[in-house]
Amino acid sequence: MRKAEFEVPSEVMAEFADEMVNRDLDNKVIGTNEDSEILVEVIYEKEESKSVDELEKILDNLREQMEEEEEEEEEDEDQ
């Protein structure tokens, strides 16, 4: 068994959870960090490594989208 830990912003937790379910990965919420991100532990077998790597990329993309949306909102407020 292998473990991977993800720090997921609460704003994208639903999308992240859907992706975990789609990949049928065992997981559990283990807490939060000082940034109020949700700590998720994924337990997987070696042959599931590709799915975990995909999940990491998806989380990176979700973070980028969230940051872009925040920047757009700030720009709109400044105008």
Protein backbone atom coordinates (compact mmCIF):
# COMPACT_ATOMS: atom_id res chain seq x y z
CA MET A 1 0.00 0.00 0.00
CA ARG A 2 1.10 3.50 -0.83
CA LYS A 3 -0.21 6.81 0.44
CA ALA A 4 -0.45 10.25 -1.08
CA GLU A 5 -1.61 13.35 0.74
CA PHE A 6 -3.37 16.23 -0.98
CA GLU A 7 -4.07 19.72 0.35
CA VAL A 8 -7.34 20.67 -1.28
CA PRO A 9 -8.83 24.18 -1.08
CA SER A 10 -12.41 23.92 0.14
CA GLU A 11 -13.59 25.82 -2.96
CA VAL A 12 -12.61 22.90 -5.23
CA MET A 13 -13.22 19.97 -2.87
CA ALA A 14 -16.40 18.83 -4.65
CA GLU A 15 -14.65 18.61 -8.03
CA PHE A 16 -11.64 16.88 -6.46
CA ALA A 17 -13.89 14.36 -4.70
CA ASP A 18 -15.66 13.58 -7.99
CA GLU A 19 -12.30 12.83 -9.62
CA MET A 20 -11.30 10.50 -6.76
CA VAL A 21 -14.58 8.64 -7.06
CA ASN A 22 -14.22 8.39 -10.86
CA ARG A 23 -10.85 6.68 -10.31
CA ASP A 24 -12.19 4.45 -7.51
CA LEU A 25 -9.36 5.47 -5.15
CA ASP A 26 -9.58 4.75 -1.43
CA ASN A 27 -9.34 7.96 0.53
CA LYS A 28 -10.08 9.68 3.78
CA VAL A 29 -10.16 13.22 5.09
CA ILE A 30 -7.48 13.56 7.75
CA GLY A 31 -7.93 17.19 8.76
CA THR A 32 -7.16 20.72 7.68
CA ASN A 33 -4.03 22.82 7.51
CA GLU A 34 -3.30 26.39 8.60
CA ASP A 35 -4.65 27.67 5.25
CA SER A 36 -8.00 25.93 5.88
CA GLU A 37 -7.30 23.48 3.09
CA ILE A 38 -8.74 20.00 3.48
CA LEU A 39 -6.13 17.27 3.92
CA VAL A 40 -7.04 14.15 1.96
CA GLU A 41 -5.10 10.93 2.16
CA VAL A 42 -5.32 8.57 -0.81
CA ILE A 43 -4.35 4.95 -0.29
CA TYR A 44 -3.43 3.10 -3.46
CA GLU A 45 -1.59 0.15 -4.97
CA LYS A 46 1.43 0.50 -7.22
CA GLU A 47 -0.66 -0.19 -10.32
CA GLU A 48 -2.89 2.79 -9.43
CA SER A 49 0.04 5.25 -9.48
CA LYS A 50 -1.03 6.66 -12.84
CA SER A 51 -4.47 7.52 -11.45
CA VAL A 52 -2.88 9.29 -8.47
CA ASP A 53 -0.59 11.25 -10.82
CA GLU A 54 -3.65 12.28 -12.85
CA LEU A 55 -5.38 13.35 -9.66
CA GLU A 56 -2.41 15.55 -8.76
CA LYS A 57 -2.52 17.23 -12.18
CA ILE A 58 -6.26 17.78 -11.84
CA LEU A 59 -5.76 19.43 -8.45
CA ASP A 60 -3.08 21.70 -9.95
CA ASN A 61 -5.51 22.69 -12.73
CA LEU A 62 -8.32 23.33 -10.23
CA ARG A 63 -6.00 25.57 -8.19
CA GLU A 64 -5.00 27.51 -11.32
CA GLN A 65 -8.62 28.01 -12.32
CA MET A 66 -9.48 29.19 -8.82
CA GLU A 67 -6.59 31.69 -8.83
CA GLU A 68 -7.57 33.00 -12.27
CA GLU A 69 -11.15 33.53 -11.13
CA GLU A 70 -9.94 35.39 -8.04
CA GLU A 71 -7.71 37.63 -10.19
CA GLU A 72 -10.62 38.37 -12.54
CA GLU A 73 -12.83 39.29 -9.58
CA GLU A 74 -10.13 41.64 -8.25
CA GLU A 75 -9.79 43.28 -11.67
CA ASP A 76 -13.56 43.74 -11.89
CA GLU A 77 -13.59 45.35 -8.45
CA ASP A 78 -10.83 47.79 -9.44
CA GLN A 79 -12.76 49.04 -12.46
